[in-house]
Amino acid sequence: IDWSGGSTYYSDSVKGRFTISRDNAKNTVY
């Protein structure tokens, strides 16, 4: 995931099942 969360990229093996996200206020990525 990029700095703002605006761009994300996935491997084919997880696409559609996994989601990456981030909370910059909490310094955490999920």
mmCIF file of all heavy atoms, coordinates in Angstrom:
data_MODEL
# 
_entry.id   MODEL 
# 
loop_
_atom_site.group_PDB 
_atom_site.id 
_atom_site.type_symbol 
_atom_site.label_atom_id 
_atom_site.label_alt_id 
_atom_site.label_comp_id 
_atom_site.label_asym_id 
_atom_site.label_entity_id 
_atom_site.label_seq_id 
_atom_site.pdbx_PDB_ins_code 
_atom_site.Cartn_x 
_atom_site.Cartn_y 
_atom_site.Cartn_z 
_atom_site.occupancy 
_atom_site.B_iso_or_equiv 
_atom_site.pdbx_formal_charge 
_atom_site.auth_seq_id 
_atom_site.auth_comp_id 
_atom_site.auth_asym_id 
_atom_site.auth_atom_id 
_atom_site.pdbx_PDB_model_num 
ATOM 1   N N   . ILE A 1 1  ? 0.849   -1.189  0.000   1.00 0.00 ? 1  ILE A N   1 
ATOM 2   C CA  . ILE A 1 1  ? 0.000   0.000   0.000   1.00 0.00 ? 1  ILE A CA  1 
ATOM 3   C C   . ILE A 1 1  ? 0.878   1.228   0.000   1.00 0.00 ? 1  ILE A C   1 
ATOM 4   O O   . ILE A 1 1  ? 1.941   1.241   0.629   1.00 0.00 ? 1  ILE A O   1 
ATOM 5   C CB  . ILE A 1 1  ? -0.939  -0.024  1.225   1.00 0.00 ? 1  ILE A CB  1 
ATOM 6   C CG1 . ILE A 1 1  ? -1.989  1.082   1.159   1.00 0.00 ? 1  ILE A CG1 1 
ATOM 7   C CG2 . ILE A 1 1  ? -0.145  0.040   2.543   1.00 0.00 ? 1  ILE A CG2 1 
ATOM 8   C CD1 . ILE A 1 1  ? -3.096  0.915   2.211   1.00 0.00 ? 1  ILE A CD1 1 
ATOM 9   N N   . ASP A 1 2  ? 0.434   2.277   -0.704  1.00 0.00 ? 2  ASP A N   1 
ATOM 10  C CA  . ASP A 1 2  ? 1.262   3.482   -0.769  1.00 0.00 ? 2  ASP A CA  1 
ATOM 11  C C   . ASP A 1 2  ? 1.047   4.344   0.463   1.00 0.00 ? 2  ASP A C   1 
ATOM 12  O O   . ASP A 1 2  ? 0.369   3.966   1.399   1.00 0.00 ? 2  ASP A O   1 
ATOM 13  C CB  . ASP A 1 2  ? 0.996   4.247   -2.069  1.00 0.00 ? 2  ASP A CB  1 
ATOM 14  C CG  . ASP A 1 2  ? -0.346  4.976   -2.092  1.00 0.00 ? 2  ASP A CG  1 
ATOM 15  O OD1 . ASP A 1 2  ? -1.153  4.779   -1.159  1.00 0.00 ? 2  ASP A OD1 1 
ATOM 16  O OD2 . ASP A 1 2  ? -0.589  5.733   -3.037  1.00 0.00 ? 2  ASP A OD2 1 
ATOM 17  N N   . TRP A 1 3  ? 1.639   5.537   0.456   1.00 0.00 ? 3  TRP A N   1 
ATOM 18  C CA  . TRP A 1 3  ? 1.674   6.372   1.643   1.00 0.00 ? 3  TRP A CA  1 
ATOM 19  C C   . TRP A 1 3  ? 0.288   6.763   2.156   1.00 0.00 ? 3  TRP A C   1 
ATOM 20  O O   . TRP A 1 3  ? 0.067   6.799   3.356   1.00 0.00 ? 3  TRP A O   1 
ATOM 21  C CB  . TRP A 1 3  ? 2.458   7.667   1.352   1.00 0.00 ? 3  TRP A CB  1 
ATOM 22  C CG  . TRP A 1 3  ? 3.758   7.430   0.676   1.00 0.00 ? 3  TRP A CG  1 
ATOM 23  C CD1 . TRP A 1 3  ? 4.847   6.813   1.215   1.00 0.00 ? 3  TRP A CD1 1 
ATOM 24  C CD2 . TRP A 1 3  ? 4.120   7.805   -0.660  1.00 0.00 ? 3  TRP A CD2 1 
ATOM 25  N NE1 . TRP A 1 3  ? 5.866   6.777   0.289   1.00 0.00 ? 3  TRP A NE1 1 
ATOM 26  C CE2 . TRP A 1 3  ? 5.450   7.381   -0.856  1.00 0.00 ? 3  TRP A CE2 1 
ATOM 27  C CE3 . TRP A 1 3  ? 3.463   8.460   -1.698  1.00 0.00 ? 3  TRP A CE3 1 
ATOM 28  C CZ2 . TRP A 1 3  ? 6.125   7.589   -2.056  1.00 0.00 ? 3  TRP A CZ2 1 
ATOM 29  C CZ3 . TRP A 1 3  ? 4.133   8.661   -2.889  1.00 0.00 ? 3  TRP A CZ3 1 
ATOM 30  C CH2 . TRP A 1 3  ? 5.449   8.224   -3.056  1.00 0.00 ? 3  TRP A CH2 1 
ATOM 31  N N   . SER A 1 4  ? -0.599  7.071   1.220   1.00 0.00 ? 4  SER A N   1 
ATOM 32  C CA  . SER A 1 4  ? -1.915  7.576   1.616   1.00 0.00 ? 4  SER A CA  1 
ATOM 33  C C   . SER A 1 4  ? -2.964  6.481   1.701   1.00 0.00 ? 4  SER A C   1 
ATOM 34  O O   . SER A 1 4  ? -4.059  6.692   2.216   1.00 0.00 ? 4  SER A O   1 
ATOM 35  C CB  . SER A 1 4  ? -2.394  8.626   0.607   1.00 0.00 ? 4  SER A CB  1 
ATOM 36  O OG  . SER A 1 4  ? -2.635  8.004   -0.647  1.00 0.00 ? 4  SER A OG  1 
ATOM 37  N N   . GLY A 1 5  ? -2.643  5.314   1.159   1.00 0.00 ? 5  GLY A N   1 
ATOM 38  C CA  . GLY A 1 5  ? -3.642  4.257   1.061   1.00 0.00 ? 5  GLY A CA  1 
ATOM 39  C C   . GLY A 1 5  ? -4.403  4.309   -0.245  1.00 0.00 ? 5  GLY A C   1 
ATOM 40  O O   . GLY A 1 5  ? -5.294  3.493   -0.479  1.00 0.00 ? 5  GLY A O   1 
ATOM 41  N N   . GLY A 1 6  ? -4.039  5.230   -1.119  1.00 0.00 ? 6  GLY A N   1 
ATOM 42  C CA  . GLY A 1 6  ? -4.754  5.381   -2.384  1.00 0.00 ? 6  GLY A CA  1 
ATOM 43  C C   . GLY A 1 6  ? -4.416  4.336   -3.421  1.00 0.00 ? 6  GLY A C   1 
ATOM 44  O O   . GLY A 1 6  ? -5.209  4.106   -4.354  1.00 0.00 ? 6  GLY A O   1 
ATOM 45  N N   . SER A 1 7  ? -3.274  3.727   -3.299  1.00 0.00 ? 7  SER A N   1 
ATOM 46  C CA  . SER A 1 7  ? -2.870  2.684   -4.253  1.00 0.00 ? 7  SER A CA  1 
ATOM 47  C C   . SER A 1 7  ? -2.506  1.426   -3.494  1.00 0.00 ? 7  SER A C   1 
ATOM 48  O O   . SER A 1 7  ? -1.737  1.464   -2.536  1.00 0.00 ? 7  SER A O   1 
ATOM 49  C CB  . SER A 1 7  ? -1.651  3.148   -5.055  1.00 0.00 ? 7  SER A CB  1 
ATOM 50  O OG  . SER A 1 7  ? -1.971  4.253   -5.874  1.00 0.00 ? 7  SER A OG  1 
ATOM 51  N N   . THR A 1 8  ? -3.070  0.326   -3.952  1.00 0.00 ? 8  THR A N   1 
ATOM 52  C CA  . THR A 1 8  ? -2.775  -0.971  -3.355  1.00 0.00 ? 8  THR A CA  1 
ATOM 53  C C   . THR A 1 8  ? -2.524  -1.988  -4.477  1.00 0.00 ? 8  THR A C   1 
ATOM 54  O O   . THR A 1 8  ? -3.079  -1.871  -5.573  1.00 0.00 ? 8  THR A O   1 
ATOM 55  C CB  . THR A 1 8  ? -3.933  -1.469  -2.474  1.00 0.00 ? 8  THR A CB  1 
ATOM 56  O OG1 . THR A 1 8  ? -5.133  -1.521  -3.260  1.00 0.00 ? 8  THR A OG1 1 
ATOM 57  C CG2 . THR A 1 8  ? -4.149  -0.555  -1.286  1.00 0.00 ? 8  THR A CG2 1 
ATOM 58  N N   . TYR A 1 9  ? -1.713  -2.961  -4.169  1.00 0.00 ? 9  TYR A N   1 
ATOM 59  C CA  . TYR A 1 9  ? -1.372  -3.995  -5.138  1.00 0.00 ? 9  TYR A CA  1 
ATOM 60  C C   . TYR A 1 9  ? -1.408  -5.338  -4.413  1.00 0.00 ? 9  TYR A C   1 
ATOM 61  O O   . TYR A 1 9  ? -0.975  -5.427  -3.259  1.00 0.00 ? 9  TYR A O   1 
ATOM 62  C CB  . TYR A 1 9  ? 0.013   -3.748  -5.743  1.00 0.00 ? 9  TYR A CB  1 
ATOM 63  C CG  . TYR A 1 9  ? 0.148   -2.382  -6.368  1.00 0.00 ? 9  TYR A CG  1 
ATOM 64  C CD1 . TYR A 1 9  ? 0.498   -1.286  -5.587  1.00 0.00 ? 9  TYR A CD1 1 
ATOM 65  C CD2 . TYR A 1 9  ? -0.110  -2.189  -7.718  1.00 0.00 ? 9  TYR A CD2 1 
ATOM 66  C CE1 . TYR A 1 9  ? 0.596   -0.021  -6.149  1.00 0.00 ? 9  TYR A CE1 1 
ATOM 67  C CE2 . TYR A 1 9  ? -0.004  -0.921  -8.286  1.00 0.00 ? 9  TYR A CE2 1 
ATOM 68  C CZ  . TYR A 1 9  ? 0.351   0.143   -7.498  1.00 0.00 ? 9  TYR A CZ  1 
ATOM 69  O OH  . TYR A 1 9  ? 0.449   1.398   -8.055  1.00 0.00 ? 9  TYR A OH  1 
ATOM 70  N N   . TYR A 1 10 ? -1.895  -6.364  -5.097  1.00 0.00 ? 10 TYR A N   1 
ATOM 71  C CA  . TYR A 1 10 ? -2.044  -7.678  -4.487  1.00 0.00 ? 10 TYR A CA  1 
ATOM 72  C C   . TYR A 1 10 ? -1.477  -8.768  -5.380  1.00 0.00 ? 10 TYR A C   1 
ATOM 73  O O   . TYR A 1 10 ? -1.505  -8.654  -6.608  1.00 0.00 ? 10 TYR A O   1 
ATOM 74  C CB  . TYR A 1 10 ? -3.527  -7.989  -4.245  1.00 0.00 ? 10 TYR A CB  1 
ATOM 75  C CG  . TYR A 1 10 ? -4.206  -7.079  -3.265  1.00 0.00 ? 10 TYR A CG  1 
ATOM 76  C CD1 . TYR A 1 10 ? -4.826  -5.911  -3.682  1.00 0.00 ? 10 TYR A CD1 1 
ATOM 77  C CD2 . TYR A 1 10 ? -4.233  -7.387  -1.907  1.00 0.00 ? 10 TYR A CD2 1 
ATOM 78  C CE1 . TYR A 1 10 ? -5.451  -5.063  -2.783  1.00 0.00 ? 10 TYR A CE1 1 
ATOM 79  C CE2 . TYR A 1 10 ? -4.864  -6.545  -0.999  1.00 0.00 ? 10 TYR A CE2 1 
ATOM 80  C CZ  . TYR A 1 10 ? -5.467  -5.388  -1.447  1.00 0.00 ? 10 TYR A CZ  1 
ATOM 81  O OH  . TYR A 1 10 ? -6.078  -4.565  -0.541  1.00 0.00 ? 10 TYR A OH  1 
ATOM 82  N N   . SER A 1 11 ? -1.022  -9.832  -4.764  1.00 0.00 ? 11 SER A N   1 
ATOM 83  C CA  . SER A 1 11 ? -0.669  -11.011 -5.524  1.00 0.00 ? 11 SER A CA  1 
ATOM 84  C C   . SER A 1 11 ? -1.951  -11.674 -6.009  1.00 0.00 ? 11 SER A C   1 
ATOM 85  O O   . SER A 1 11 ? -3.015  -11.529 -5.388  1.00 0.00 ? 11 SER A O   1 
ATOM 86  C CB  . SER A 1 11 ? 0.142   -11.980 -4.673  1.00 0.00 ? 11 SER A CB  1 
ATOM 87  O OG  . SER A 1 11 ? -0.670  -12.539 -3.664  1.00 0.00 ? 11 SER A OG  1 
ATOM 88  N N   . ASP A 1 12 ? -1.859  -12.406 -7.075  1.00 0.00 ? 12 ASP A N   1 
ATOM 89  C CA  . ASP A 1 12 ? -3.039  -13.083 -7.614  1.00 0.00 ? 12 ASP A CA  1 
ATOM 90  C C   . ASP A 1 12 ? -3.605  -14.080 -6.607  1.00 0.00 ? 12 ASP A C   1 
ATOM 91  O O   . ASP A 1 12 ? -4.815  -14.330 -6.592  1.00 0.00 ? 12 ASP A O   1 
ATOM 92  C CB  . ASP A 1 12 ? -2.688  -13.793 -8.922  1.00 0.00 ? 12 ASP A CB  1 
ATOM 93  C CG  . ASP A 1 12 ? -2.456  -12.821 -10.067 1.00 0.00 ? 12 ASP A CG  1 
ATOM 94  O OD1 . ASP A 1 12 ? -2.884  -11.653 -9.958  1.00 0.00 ? 12 ASP A OD1 1 
ATOM 95  O OD2 . ASP A 1 12 ? -1.841  -13.236 -11.063 1.00 0.00 ? 12 ASP A OD2 1 
ATOM 96  N N   . SER A 1 13 ? -2.757  -14.641 -5.775  1.00 0.00 ? 13 SER A N   1 
ATOM 97  C CA  . SER A 1 13 ? -3.203  -15.678 -4.849  1.00 0.00 ? 13 SER A CA  1 
ATOM 98  C C   . SER A 1 13 ? -4.114  -15.147 -3.749  1.00 0.00 ? 13 SER A C   1 
ATOM 99  O O   . SER A 1 13 ? -4.865  -15.920 -3.140  1.00 0.00 ? 13 SER A O   1 
ATOM 100 C CB  . SER A 1 13 ? -1.996  -16.384 -4.235  1.00 0.00 ? 13 SER A CB  1 
ATOM 101 O OG  . SER A 1 13 ? -1.196  -15.470 -3.509  1.00 0.00 ? 13 SER A OG  1 
ATOM 102 N N   . VAL A 1 14 ? -4.063  -13.858 -3.476  1.00 0.00 ? 14 VAL A N   1 
ATOM 103 C CA  . VAL A 1 14 ? -4.888  -13.298 -2.401  1.00 0.00 ? 14 VAL A CA  1 
ATOM 104 C C   . VAL A 1 14 ? -5.881  -12.253 -2.886  1.00 0.00 ? 14 VAL A C   1 
ATOM 105 O O   . VAL A 1 14 ? -6.738  -11.808 -2.103  1.00 0.00 ? 14 VAL A O   1 
ATOM 106 C CB  . VAL A 1 14 ? -4.025  -12.684 -1.286  1.00 0.00 ? 14 VAL A CB  1 
ATOM 107 C CG1 . VAL A 1 14 ? -2.983  -13.679 -0.795  1.00 0.00 ? 14 VAL A CG1 1 
ATOM 108 C CG2 . VAL A 1 14 ? -3.356  -11.392 -1.739  1.00 0.00 ? 14 VAL A CG2 1 
ATOM 109 N N   . LYS A 1 15 ? -5.781  -11.868 -4.132  1.00 0.00 ? 15 LYS A N   1 
ATOM 110 C CA  . LYS A 1 15 ? -6.652  -10.820 -4.663  1.00 0.00 ? 15 LYS A CA  1 
ATOM 111 C C   . LYS A 1 15 ? -8.114  -11.219 -4.501  1.00 0.00 ? 15 LYS A C   1 
ATOM 112 O O   . LYS A 1 15 ? -8.502  -12.346 -4.807  1.00 0.00 ? 15 LYS A O   1 
ATOM 113 C CB  . LYS A 1 15 ? -6.325  -10.583 -6.133  1.00 0.00 ? 15 LYS A CB  1 
ATOM 114 C CG  . LYS A 1 15 ? -6.866  -9.297  -6.706  1.00 0.00 ? 15 LYS A CG  1 
ATOM 115 C CD  . LYS A 1 15 ? -6.357  -9.100  -8.128  1.00 0.00 ? 15 LYS A CD  1 
ATOM 116 C CE  . LYS A 1 15 ? -4.863  -8.933  -8.175  1.00 0.00 ? 15 LYS A CE  1 
ATOM 117 N NZ  . LYS A 1 15 ? -4.344  -8.707  -9.546  1.00 0.00 ? 15 LYS A NZ  1 
ATOM 118 N N   . GLY A 1 16 ? -8.902  -10.286 -3.987  1.00 0.00 ? 16 GLY A N   1 
ATOM 119 C CA  . GLY A 1 16 ? -10.319 -10.556 -3.772  1.00 0.00 ? 16 GLY A CA  1 
ATOM 120 C C   . GLY A 1 16 ? -10.624 -11.165 -2.421  1.00 0.00 ? 16 GLY A C   1 
ATOM 121 O O   . GLY A 1 16 ? -11.793 -11.234 -2.016  1.00 0.00 ? 16 GLY A O   1 
ATOM 122 N N   . ARG A 1 17 ? -9.599  -11.599 -1.703  1.00 0.00 ? 17 ARG A N   1 
ATOM 123 C CA  . ARG A 1 17 ? -9.806  -12.202 -0.372  1.00 0.00 ? 17 ARG A CA  1 
ATOM 124 C C   . ARG A 1 17 ? -9.149  -11.385 0.733   1.00 0.00 ? 17 ARG A C   1 
ATOM 125 O O   . ARG A 1 17 ? -9.680  -11.288 1.834   1.00 0.00 ? 17 ARG A O   1 
ATOM 126 C CB  . ARG A 1 17 ? -9.238  -13.621 -0.343  1.00 0.00 ? 17 ARG A CB  1 
ATOM 127 C CG  . ARG A 1 17 ? -9.878  -14.564 -1.339  1.00 0.00 ? 17 ARG A CG  1 
ATOM 128 C CD  . ARG A 1 17 ? -9.397  -16.002 -1.139  1.00 0.00 ? 17 ARG A CD  1 
ATOM 129 N NE  . ARG A 1 17 ? -7.962  -16.144 -1.334  1.00 0.00 ? 17 ARG A NE  1 
ATOM 130 C CZ  . ARG A 1 17 ? -7.127  -16.584 -0.385  1.00 0.00 ? 17 ARG A CZ  1 
ATOM 131 N NH1 . ARG A 1 17 ? -7.578  -16.928 0.803   1.00 0.00 ? 17 ARG A NH1 1 
ATOM 132 N NH2 . ARG A 1 17 ? -5.830  -16.713 -0.651  1.00 0.00 ? 17 ARG A NH2 1 
ATOM 133 N N   . PHE A 1 18 ? -7.996  -10.819 0.442   1.00 0.00 ? 18 PHE A N   1 
ATOM 134 C CA  . PHE A 1 18 ? -7.256  -10.046 1.437   1.00 0.00 ? 18 PHE A CA  1 
ATOM 135 C C   . PHE A 1 18 ? -7.374  -8.562  1.122   1.00 0.00 ? 18 PHE A C   1 
ATOM 136 O O   . PHE A 1 18 ? -7.463  -8.164  -0.047  1.00 0.00 ? 18 PHE A O   1 
ATOM 137 C CB  . PHE A 1 18 ? -5.782  -10.428 1.426   1.00 0.00 ? 18 PHE A CB  1 
ATOM 138 C CG  . PHE A 1 18 ? -5.464  -11.805 1.939   1.00 0.00 ? 18 PHE A CG  1 
ATOM 139 C CD1 . PHE A 1 18 ? -6.453  -12.746 2.181   1.00 0.00 ? 18 PHE A CD1 1 
ATOM 140 C CD2 . PHE A 1 18 ? -4.143  -12.158 2.189   1.00 0.00 ? 18 PHE A CD2 1 
ATOM 141 C CE1 . PHE A 1 18 ? -6.157  -14.005 2.647   1.00 0.00 ? 18 PHE A CE1 1 
ATOM 142 C CE2 . PHE A 1 18 ? -3.816  -13.424 2.654   1.00 0.00 ? 18 PHE A CE2 1 
ATOM 143 C CZ  . PHE A 1 18 ? -4.818  -14.347 2.878   1.00 0.00 ? 18 PHE A CZ  1 
ATOM 144 N N   . THR A 1 19 ? -7.334  -7.747  2.162   1.00 0.00 ? 19 THR A N   1 
ATOM 145 C CA  . THR A 1 19 ? -7.369  -6.302  1.996   1.00 0.00 ? 19 THR A CA  1 
ATOM 146 C C   . THR A 1 19 ? -6.317  -5.661  2.893   1.00 0.00 ? 19 THR A C   1 
ATOM 147 O O   . THR A 1 19 ? -6.290  -5.915  4.096   1.00 0.00 ? 19 THR A O   1 
ATOM 148 C CB  . THR A 1 19 ? -8.744  -5.736  2.362   1.00 0.00 ? 19 THR A CB  1 
ATOM 149 O OG1 . THR A 1 19 ? -9.752  -6.339  1.542   1.00 0.00 ? 19 THR A OG1 1 
ATOM 150 C CG2 . THR A 1 19 ? -8.775  -4.220  2.141   1.00 0.00 ? 19 THR A CG2 1 
ATOM 151 N N   . ILE A 1 20 ? -5.477  -4.833  2.294   1.00 0.00 ? 20 ILE A N   1 
ATOM 152 C CA  . ILE A 1 20 ? -4.506  -4.073  3.064   1.00 0.00 ? 20 ILE A CA  1 
ATOM 153 C C   . ILE A 1 20 ? -5.078  -2.680  3.291   1.00 0.00 ? 20 ILE A C   1 
ATOM 154 O O   . ILE A 1 20 ? -5.718  -2.094  2.405   1.00 0.00 ? 20 ILE A O   1 
ATOM 155 C CB  . ILE A 1 20 ? -3.140  -4.015  2.350   1.00 0.00 ? 20 ILE A CB  1 
ATOM 156 C CG1 . ILE A 1 20 ? -2.081  -3.374  3.260   1.00 0.00 ? 20 ILE A CG1 1 
ATOM 157 C CG2 . ILE A 1 20 ? -3.232  -3.281  1.016   1.00 0.00 ? 20 ILE A CG2 1 
ATOM 158 C CD1 . ILE A 1 20 ? -0.658  -3.477  2.705   1.00 0.00 ? 20 ILE A CD1 1 
ATOM 159 N N   . SER A 1 21 ? -4.844  -2.146  4.479   1.00 0.00 ? 21 SER A N   1 
ATOM 160 C CA  . SER A 1 21 ? -5.285  -0.792  4.786   1.00 0.00 ? 21 SER A CA  1 
ATOM 161 C C   . SER A 1 21 ? -4.307  -0.203  5.787   1.00 0.00 ? 21 SER A C   1 
ATOM 162 O O   . SER A 1 21 ? -3.491  -0.923  6.367   1.00 0.00 ? 21 SER A O   1 
ATOM 163 C CB  . SER A 1 21 ? -6.704  -0.777  5.346   1.00 0.00 ? 21 SER A CB  1 
ATOM 164 O OG  . SER A 1 21 ? -6.772  -1.497  6.563   1.00 0.00 ? 21 SER A OG  1 
ATOM 165 N N   . ARG A 1 22 ? -4.402  1.088   5.997   1.00 0.00 ? 22 ARG A N   1 
ATOM 166 C CA  . ARG A 1 22 ? -3.500  1.732   6.948   1.00 0.00 ? 22 ARG A CA  1 
ATOM 167 C C   . ARG A 1 22 ? -4.232  2.850   7.664   1.00 0.00 ? 22 ARG A C   1 
ATOM 168 O O   . ARG A 1 22 ? -5.159  3.471   7.112   1.00 0.00 ? 22 ARG A O   1 
ATOM 169 C CB  . ARG A 1 22 ? -2.251  2.268   6.244   1.00 0.00 ? 22 ARG A CB  1 
ATOM 170 C CG  . ARG A 1 22 ? -2.496  3.389   5.257   1.00 0.00 ? 22 ARG A CG  1 
ATOM 171 C CD  . ARG A 1 22 ? -1.219  3.682   4.473   1.00 0.00 ? 22 ARG A CD  1 
ATOM 172 N NE  . ARG A 1 22 ? -0.149  4.175   5.327   1.00 0.00 ? 22 ARG A NE  1 
ATOM 173 C CZ  . ARG A 1 22 ? 1.157   4.125   4.998   1.00 0.00 ? 22 ARG A CZ  1 
ATOM 174 N NH1 . ARG A 1 22 ? 1.519   3.586   3.837   1.00 0.00 ? 22 ARG A NH1 1 
ATOM 175 N NH2 . ARG A 1 22 ? 2.069   4.612   5.816   1.00 0.00 ? 22 ARG A NH2 1 
ATOM 176 N N   . ASP A 1 23 ? -3.793  3.106   8.874   1.00 0.00 ? 23 ASP A N   1 
ATOM 177 C CA  . ASP A 1 23 ? -4.286  4.213   9.677   1.00 0.00 ? 23 ASP A CA  1 
ATOM 178 C C   . ASP A 1 23 ? -3.065  5.035   10.065  1.00 0.00 ? 23 ASP A C   1 
ATOM 179 O O   . ASP A 1 23 ? -2.338  4.665   10.989  1.00 0.00 ? 23 ASP A O   1 
ATOM 180 C CB  . ASP A 1 23 ? -5.027  3.687   10.907  1.00 0.00 ? 23 ASP A CB  1 
ATOM 181 C CG  . ASP A 1 23 ? -5.670  4.797   11.707  1.00 0.00 ? 23 ASP A CG  1 
ATOM 182 O OD1 . ASP A 1 23 ? -5.241  5.960   11.601  1.00 0.00 ? 23 ASP A OD1 1 
ATOM 183 O OD2 . ASP A 1 23 ? -6.615  4.505   12.476  1.00 0.00 ? 23 ASP A OD2 1 
ATOM 184 N N   . ASN A 1 24 ? -2.841  6.121   9.356   1.00 0.00 ? 24 ASN A N   1 
ATOM 185 C CA  . ASN A 1 24 ? -1.635  6.912   9.603   1.00 0.00 ? 24 ASN A CA  1 
ATOM 186 C C   . ASN A 1 24 ? -1.676  7.607   10.972  1.00 0.00 ? 24 ASN A C   1 
ATOM 187 O O   . ASN A 1 24 ? -0.629  7.921   11.532  1.00 0.00 ? 24 ASN A O   1 
ATOM 188 C CB  . ASN A 1 24 ? -1.441  7.935   8.495   1.00 0.00 ? 24 ASN A CB  1 
ATOM 189 C CG  . ASN A 1 24 ? -0.949  7.300   7.204   1.00 0.00 ? 24 ASN A CG  1 
ATOM 190 O OD1 . ASN A 1 24 ? -0.488  6.156   7.212   1.00 0.00 ? 24 ASN A OD1 1 
ATOM 191 N ND2 . ASN A 1 24 ? -1.052  8.011   6.100   1.00 0.00 ? 24 ASN A ND2 1 
ATOM 192 N N   . ALA A 1 25 ? -2.853  7.824   11.501  1.00 0.00 ? 25 ALA A N   1 
ATOM 193 C CA  . ALA A 1 25 ? -2.949  8.420   12.834  1.00 0.00 ? 25 ALA A CA  1 
ATOM 194 C C   . ALA A 1 25 ? -2.485  7.445   13.911  1.00 0.00 ? 25 ALA A C   1 
ATOM 195 O O   . ALA A 1 25 ? -2.029  7.851   14.979  1.00 0.00 ? 25 ALA A O   1 
ATOM 196 C CB  . ALA A 1 25 ? -4.380  8.859   13.109  1.00 0.00 ? 25 ALA A CB  1 
ATOM 197 N N   . LYS A 1 26 ? -2.597  6.152   13.625  1.00 0.00 ? 26 LYS A N   1 
ATOM 198 C CA  . LYS A 1 26 ? -2.182  5.127   14.581  1.00 0.00 ? 26 LYS A CA  1 
ATOM 199 C C   . LYS A 1 26 ? -0.875  4.458   14.192  1.00 0.00 ? 26 LYS A C   1 
ATOM 200 O O   . LYS A 1 26 ? -0.450  3.510   14.856  1.00 0.00 ? 26 LYS A O   1 
ATOM 201 C CB  . LYS A 1 26 ? -3.278  4.062   14.701  1.00 0.00 ? 26 LYS A CB  1 
ATOM 202 C CG  . LYS A 1 26 ? -4.580  4.578   15.282  1.00 0.00 ? 26 LYS A CG  1 
ATOM 203 C CD  . LYS A 1 26 ? -5.593  3.464   15.420  1.00 0.00 ? 26 LYS A CD  1 
ATOM 204 C CE  . LYS A 1 26 ? -6.879  3.977   16.059  1.00 0.00 ? 26 LYS A CE  1 
ATOM 205 N NZ  . LYS A 1 26 ? -7.895  2.891   16.193  1.00 0.00 ? 26 LYS A NZ  1 
ATOM 206 N N   . ASN A 1 27 ? -0.263  4.921   13.102  1.00 0.00 ? 27 ASN A N   1 
ATOM 207 C CA  . ASN A 1 27 ? 1.001   4.340   12.625  1.00 0.00 ? 27 ASN A CA  1 
ATOM 208 C C   . ASN A 1 27 ? 0.889   2.827   12.450  1.00 0.00 ? 27 ASN A C   1 
ATOM 209 O O   . ASN A 1 27 ? 1.799   2.075   12.816  1.00 0.00 ? 27 ASN A O   1 
ATOM 210 C CB  . ASN A 1 27 ? 2.148   4.656   13.595  1.00 0.00 ? 27 ASN A CB  1 
ATOM 211 C CG  . ASN A 1 27 ? 2.521   6.119   13.598  1.00 0.00 ? 27 ASN A CG  1 
ATOM 212 O OD1 . ASN A 1 27 ? 2.050   6.899   12.766  1.00 0.00 ? 27 ASN A OD1 1 
ATOM 213 N ND2 . ASN A 1 27 ? 3.353   6.518   14.544  1.00 0.00 ? 27 ASN A ND2 1 
ATOM 214 N N   . THR A 1 28 ? -0.210  2.403   11.894  1.00 0.00 ? 28 THR A N   1 
ATOM 215 C CA  . THR A 1 28 ? -0.486  0.976   11.802  1.00 0.00 ? 28 THR A CA  1 
ATOM 216 C C   . THR A 1 28 ? -1.005  0.606   10.415  1.00 0.00 ? 28 THR A C   1 
ATOM 217 O O   . THR A 1 28 ? -1.805  1.344   9.827   1.00 0.00 ? 28 THR A O   1 
ATOM 218 C CB  . THR A 1 28 ? -1.510  0.554   12.869  1.00 0.00 ? 28 THR A CB  1 
ATOM 219 O OG1 . THR A 1 28 ? -0.987  0.868   14.164  1.00 0.00 ? 28 THR A OG1 1 
ATOM 220 C CG2 . THR A 1 28 ? -1.776  -0.945  12.807  1.00 0.00 ? 28 THR A CG2 1 
ATOM 221 N N   . VAL A 1 29 ? -0.544  -0.532  9.933   1.00 0.00 ? 29 VAL A N   1 
ATOM 222 C CA  . VAL A 1 29 ? -1.058  -1.103  8.705   1.00 0.00 ? 29 VAL A CA  1 
ATOM 223 C C   . VAL A 1 29 ? -1.715  -2.437  9.048   1.00 0.00 ? 29 VAL A C   1 
ATOM 224 O O   . VAL A 1 29 ? -1.278  -3.123  9.972   1.00 0.00 ? 29 VAL A O   1 
ATOM 225 C CB  . VAL A 1 29 ? 0.055   -1.276  7.651   1.00 0.00 ? 29 VAL A CB  1 
ATOM 226 C CG1 . VAL A 1 29 ? 1.118   -2.264  8.117   1.00 0.00 ? 29 VAL A CG1 1 
ATOM 227 C CG2 . VAL A 1 29 ? -0.517  -1.691  6.303   1.00 0.00 ? 29 VAL A CG2 1 
ATOM 228 N N   . TYR A 1 30 ? -2.776  -2.756  8.318   1.00 0.00 ? 30 TYR A N   1 
ATOM 229 C CA  . TYR A 1 30 ? -3.552  -3.952  8.606   1.00 0.00 ? 30 TYR A CA  1 
ATOM 230 C C   . TYR A 1 30 ? -3.605  -4.869  7.385   1.00 0.00 ? 30 TYR A C   1 
ATOM 231 O O   . TYR A 1 30 ? -3.523  -4.411  6.242   1.00 0.00 ? 30 TYR A O   1 
ATOM 232 C CB  . TYR A 1 30 ? -4.989  -3.577  8.982   1.00 0.00 ? 30 TYR A CB  1 
ATOM 233 C CG  . TYR A 1 30 ? -5.078  -2.625  10.141  1.00 0.00 ? 30 TYR A CG  1 
ATOM 234 C CD1 . TYR A 1 30 ? -5.237  -1.253  9.930   1.00 0.00 ? 30 TYR A CD1 1 
ATOM 235 C CD2 . TYR A 1 30 ? -4.997  -3.085  11.452  1.00 0.00 ? 30 TYR A CD2 1 
ATOM 236 C CE1 . TYR A 1 30 ? -5.314  -0.363  10.994  1.00 0.00 ? 30 TYR A CE1 1 
ATOM 237 C CE2 . TYR A 1 30 ? -5.084  -2.201  12.520  1.00 0.00 ? 30 TYR A CE2 1 
ATOM 238 C CZ  . TYR A 1 30 ? -5.236  -0.846  12.275  1.00 0.00 ? 30 TYR A CZ  1 
ATOM 239 O OH  . TYR A 1 30 ? -5.300  0.025   13.343  1.00 0.00 ? 30 TYR A OH  1 
# 
